[in-house]
């Protein structure tokens, strides 16, 4: 509660009372009202997620993480163990869990406490909470993408200490290079979302993967509905198969 009050005071000082009312109303509706029965949630690539919005807003994103989802649907097998670095809203974790089934497992590492909770909530809501295990950890070099104020308190995990897995998914906003360069295990498949704007270009990632050695079987924009933005900022999903 104290943290929320401090944030509210900062908004008022910086943007004024009307901005505080608007942002506060959006937060209350999205974080509390939408938890009530019969109140619809937006869907990201068909997965319901908890996100602040007004009831008259349609903020669903049918192509959310389309590049990663396409790879998951094509290459993940029943019974696989998936390691995901970067949970976000939990969409790809749920998609992976639906593919691996009860015999498989999905292990998520997420550096933002807020997104740890969101991933857990999404998995529980979709009935795969027993398959998805979410860990509050930063893997490799920390990246303050979400402005996480308690980042210094989050336990770090070295890329070499990632658990053995059949499939590795990296969507960690710039830490991809560090993880790949220090990865010890050899998953059957690796999905990597490049972030050129965070010094993790698709060209660098492709070079590292090919040297490991992996074959790049596809490279596509991360979100079909935001292709122009993805191209401008070098945000692609590379799918690599172990040779």
Protein backbone atom coordinates (compact mmCIF):
# COMPACT_ATOMS: atom_id res chain seq x y z
CA UNK A 1 0.00 0.00 0.00
CA UNK A 2 2.82 2.40 0.88
CA UNK A 3 4.37 1.83 -2.55
CA UNK A 4 1.05 2.62 -4.28
CA UNK A 5 0.68 5.85 -2.28
CA UNK A 6 4.19 6.93 -3.23
CA UNK A 7 3.50 6.20 -6.89
CA UNK A 8 0.27 8.21 -6.67
CA UNK A 9 2.07 11.19 -5.17
CA UNK A 10 4.70 11.06 -7.92
CA UNK A 11 2.03 11.00 -10.63
CA UNK A 12 0.22 14.00 -9.12
CA UNK A 13 3.44 16.00 -8.81
CA UNK A 14 4.59 15.13 -12.31
CA UNK A 15 1.36 15.02 -14.34
CA UNK A 16 -1.37 16.61 -12.22
CA UNK A 17 -4.55 15.43 -10.51
CA UNK A 18 -6.52 14.56 -13.67
CA UNK A 19 -3.77 12.24 -14.86
CA UNK A 20 -3.74 10.59 -11.43
CA UNK A 21 -7.51 10.02 -11.57
CA UNK A 22 -7.32 8.55 -15.06
CA UNK A 23 -4.42 6.23 -14.29
CA UNK A 24 -5.86 5.31 -10.90
CA UNK A 25 -9.23 4.38 -12.40
CA UNK A 26 -7.57 2.21 -15.03
CA UNK A 27 -5.49 0.44 -12.38
CA UNK A 28 -8.43 -0.23 -10.04
CA UNK A 29 -10.57 -1.60 -12.86
CA UNK A 30 -7.84 -3.75 -14.33
CA UNK A 31 -6.41 -5.11 -11.09
CA UNK A 32 -9.57 -5.57 -9.02
CA UNK A 33 -12.87 -5.25 -10.89
CA UNK A 34 -11.86 -7.67 -13.66
CA UNK A 35 -11.24 -10.34 -11.01
CA UNK A 36 -14.95 -10.48 -10.28
CA UNK A 37 -17.14 -13.15 -11.95
CA UNK A 38 -18.69 -12.28 -15.32
CA UNK A 39 -16.15 -9.52 -15.99
CA UNK A 40 -14.26 -10.31 -19.19
CA UNK A 41 -10.50 -10.26 -19.53
CA UNK A 42 -8.58 -9.28 -22.66
CA UNK A 43 -6.97 -12.15 -24.53
CA UNK A 44 -3.42 -12.29 -25.86
CA UNK A 45 -3.19 -14.85 -28.66
CA UNK A 46 -6.27 -16.52 -27.25
CA UNK A 47 -5.00 -16.57 -23.64
CA UNK A 48 -6.90 -14.45 -21.05
CA UNK A 49 -4.54 -12.12 -19.20
CA UNK A 50 -4.85 -9.71 -16.30
CA UNK A 51 -4.13 -6.20 -17.58
CA UNK A 52 -5.41 -2.80 -16.52
CA UNK A 53 -8.03 -1.36 -18.87
CA UNK A 54 -11.40 0.34 -18.90
CA UNK A 55 -14.49 -1.78 -19.66
CA UNK A 56 -15.11 -0.02 -22.99
CA UNK A 57 -11.55 -0.65 -24.23
CA UNK A 58 -10.73 -3.61 -26.44
CA UNK A 59 -7.07 -4.28 -25.70
CA UNK A 60 -6.96 -7.89 -26.84
CA UNK A 61 -3.97 -8.77 -29.02
CA UNK A 62 -4.73 -11.81 -31.22
CA UNK A 63 -1.17 -11.96 -32.62
CA UNK A 64 0.66 -11.38 -29.32
CA UNK A 65 4.07 -13.16 -29.40
CA UNK A 66 3.02 -14.78 -32.68
CA UNK A 67 6.60 -15.69 -33.59
CA UNK A 68 7.22 -17.59 -30.36
CA UNK A 69 3.76 -19.17 -30.35
CA UNK A 70 4.24 -20.44 -33.91
CA UNK A 71 7.50 -22.10 -32.91
CA UNK A 72 5.97 -23.64 -29.80
CA UNK A 73 3.05 -25.06 -31.75
CA UNK A 74 5.34 -26.57 -34.39
CA UNK A 75 8.32 -27.89 -32.43
CA UNK A 76 7.27 -28.57 -28.82
CA UNK A 77 6.33 -32.20 -28.12
CA UNK A 78 4.24 -33.93 -25.49
CA UNK A 79 6.34 -34.69 -22.41
CA UNK A 80 8.98 -32.05 -23.16
CA UNK A 81 10.66 -29.98 -20.48
CA UNK A 82 10.60 -26.30 -21.45
CA UNK A 83 12.76 -23.61 -19.87
CA UNK A 84 11.53 -20.07 -20.50
CA UNK A 85 13.57 -17.00 -19.59
CA UNK A 86 11.15 -14.07 -19.51
CA UNK A 87 7.62 -14.90 -18.41
CA UNK A 88 5.82 -11.64 -19.24
CA UNK A 89 2.08 -12.22 -19.01
CA UNK A 90 2.50 -16.00 -19.14
CA UNK A 91 1.12 -16.47 -22.65
CA UNK A 92 3.95 -18.58 -24.07
CA UNK A 93 4.23 -20.50 -20.79
CA UNK A 94 0.57 -21.52 -21.12
CA UNK A 95 0.96 -22.36 -24.80
CA UNK A 96 3.97 -24.54 -23.93
CA UNK A 97 2.13 -26.24 -21.06
CA UNK A 98 -0.79 -27.06 -23.33
CA UNK A 99 1.64 -28.77 -25.72
CA UNK A 100 3.74 -30.71 -23.20
CA UNK A 101 0.72 -31.96 -21.25
CA UNK A 102 0.75 -33.54 -17.81
CA UNK A 103 3.87 -35.57 -18.59
CA UNK A 104 5.93 -32.45 -19.32
CA UNK A 105 6.82 -29.31 -17.42
CA UNK A 106 7.45 -25.64 -18.03
CA UNK A 107 10.04 -23.85 -15.90
CA UNK A 108 9.90 -20.06 -16.09
CA UNK A 109 12.48 -17.55 -14.86
CA UNK A 110 11.22 -13.97 -14.56
CA UNK A 111 13.03 -10.99 -13.03
CA UNK A 112 9.99 -8.77 -12.42
CA UNK A 113 7.96 -9.60 -9.30
CA UNK A 114 4.84 -8.20 -10.98
CA UNK A 115 5.24 -10.45 -14.01
CA UNK A 116 6.01 -13.45 -11.82
CA UNK A 117 2.54 -13.02 -10.35
CA UNK A 118 0.97 -12.38 -13.76
CA UNK A 119 2.51 -15.55 -15.21
CA UNK A 120 1.32 -17.60 -12.24
CA UNK A 121 -2.18 -16.14 -12.46
CA UNK A 122 -2.41 -16.77 -16.20
CA UNK A 123 -1.27 -20.38 -15.80
CA UNK A 124 -3.71 -21.00 -12.96
CA UNK A 125 -6.58 -19.39 -14.84
CA UNK A 126 -5.89 -21.60 -17.87
CA UNK A 127 -5.74 -24.78 -15.82
CA UNK A 128 -2.01 -25.46 -16.22
CA UNK A 129 -0.79 -24.15 -12.88
CA UNK A 130 0.52 -27.60 -11.94
CA UNK A 131 2.66 -27.79 -15.09
CA UNK A 132 4.11 -24.25 -15.02
CA UNK A 133 6.65 -23.44 -12.30
CA UNK A 134 7.62 -19.77 -12.07
CA UNK A 135 10.86 -18.65 -10.41
CA UNK A 136 11.64 -15.06 -9.44
CA UNK A 137 15.17 -14.95 -10.85
CA UNK A 138 17.25 -12.84 -13.19
CA UNK A 139 19.23 -14.99 -15.61
CA UNK A 140 22.47 -13.58 -16.94
CA UNK A 141 22.98 -9.83 -17.25
CA UNK A 142 20.16 -7.85 -15.57
CA UNK A 143 18.05 -5.60 -17.79
CA UNK A 144 15.79 -2.98 -16.18
CA UNK A 145 13.11 -3.17 -18.86
CA UNK A 146 10.17 -2.82 -16.47
CA UNK A 147 11.89 -0.40 -14.11
CA UNK A 148 11.78 -2.95 -11.30
CA UNK A 149 12.75 -1.04 -8.14
CA UNK A 150 13.63 -4.19 -6.19
CA UNK A 151 15.90 -5.59 -8.91
CA UNK A 152 18.93 -5.46 -6.63
CA UNK A 153 17.18 -7.91 -4.29
CA UNK A 154 16.38 -10.47 -6.97
CA UNK A 155 18.57 -13.56 -6.94
CA UNK A 156 20.73 -14.01 -10.05
CA UNK A 157 21.05 -17.31 -11.87
CA UNK A 158 24.04 -17.96 -14.09
CA UNK A 159 23.15 -19.18 -17.61
CA UNK A 160 25.35 -22.23 -17.00
CA UNK A 161 23.06 -23.18 -14.09
CA UNK A 162 19.85 -23.29 -16.12
CA UNK A 163 18.16 -26.69 -15.78
CA UNK A 164 18.44 -29.31 -18.51
CA UNK A 165 15.61 -29.02 -21.01
CA UNK A 166 14.34 -30.17 -24.39
CA UNK A 167 13.35 -26.66 -25.47
CA UNK A 168 14.75 -23.29 -24.40
CA UNK A 169 12.83 -20.05 -24.94
CA UNK A 170 14.61 -16.72 -24.50
CA UNK A 171 12.58 -13.52 -24.40
CA UNK A 172 14.56 -11.53 -21.88
CA UNK A 173 14.85 -8.08 -23.46
CA UNK A 174 18.55 -7.97 -24.25
CA UNK A 175 20.05 -10.67 -22.00
CA UNK A 176 19.84 -13.24 -24.80
CA UNK A 177 23.45 -12.77 -25.95
CA UNK A 178 24.92 -13.32 -22.48
CA UNK A 179 22.77 -16.42 -21.91
CA UNK A 180 23.62 -18.05 -25.23
CA UNK A 181 27.34 -17.37 -24.85
CA UNK A 182 27.39 -19.01 -21.41
CA UNK A 183 24.90 -21.80 -21.98
CA UNK A 184 26.22 -25.26 -21.04
CA UNK A 185 23.40 -27.59 -22.09
CA UNK A 186 22.25 -28.32 -25.63
CA UNK A 187 18.44 -28.24 -25.90
CA UNK A 188 16.86 -29.87 -28.94
CA UNK A 189 15.24 -26.57 -29.91
CA UNK A 190 15.97 -22.95 -28.98
CA UNK A 191 13.57 -20.05 -29.57
CA UNK A 192 15.20 -16.61 -29.24
CA UNK A 193 13.49 -13.25 -29.55
CA UNK A 194 16.06 -10.67 -30.65
CA UNK A 195 16.02 -7.11 -29.31
CA UNK A 196 18.21 -4.91 -31.43
CA UNK A 197 17.18 -1.87 -29.40
CA UNK A 198 18.68 -3.57 -26.30
CA UNK A 199 21.96 -4.59 -27.98
CA UNK A 200 20.85 -8.14 -28.81
CA UNK A 201 20.58 -8.05 -32.59
CA UNK A 202 19.17 -10.88 -34.68
CA UNK A 203 22.46 -11.03 -36.61
CA UNK A 204 24.50 -11.54 -33.43
CA UNK A 205 22.08 -14.16 -32.16
CA UNK A 206 22.12 -16.06 -35.45
CA UNK A 207 25.92 -16.11 -35.50
CA UNK A 208 26.14 -17.44 -31.95
CA UNK A 209 23.53 -20.12 -32.56
CA UNK A 210 25.21 -21.34 -35.73
CA UNK A 211 28.54 -21.60 -33.92
CA UNK A 212 27.04 -23.72 -31.11
CA UNK A 213 26.10 -25.40 -33.63
CA UNK A 214 22.39 -24.99 -34.39
CA UNK A 215 20.56 -24.68 -37.69
CA UNK A 216 18.30 -21.64 -38.02
CA UNK A 217 15.07 -23.06 -39.43
CA UNK A 218 13.02 -19.87 -39.27
CA UNK A 219 13.28 -16.16 -38.63
CA UNK A 220 10.09 -14.12 -38.39
CA UNK A 221 8.85 -10.92 -36.80
CA UNK A 222 7.89 -11.29 -33.16
CA UNK A 223 4.32 -10.02 -33.68
CA UNK A 224 2.58 -10.22 -37.05
CA UNK A 225 0.35 -7.27 -36.21
CA UNK A 226 3.33 -5.04 -35.36
CA UNK A 227 5.62 -6.06 -38.20
CA UNK A 228 6.78 -2.53 -39.05
CA UNK A 229 7.77 -1.81 -35.46
CA UNK A 230 9.50 -5.19 -35.17
CA UNK A 231 11.51 -4.65 -38.35
CA UNK A 232 12.55 -1.12 -37.31
CA UNK A 233 13.70 -2.33 -33.89
CA UNK A 234 15.12 -5.70 -34.97
CA UNK A 235 12.65 -7.78 -32.98
CA UNK A 236 12.55 -11.22 -34.55
CA UNK A 237 12.06 -14.76 -33.34
CA UNK A 238 14.79 -17.17 -34.44
CA UNK A 239 14.04 -20.88 -34.19
CA UNK A 240 17.13 -23.10 -34.04
CA UNK A 241 17.45 -26.89 -34.15
CA UNK A 242 20.47 -28.72 -32.71
CA UNK A 243 22.68 -30.29 -35.37
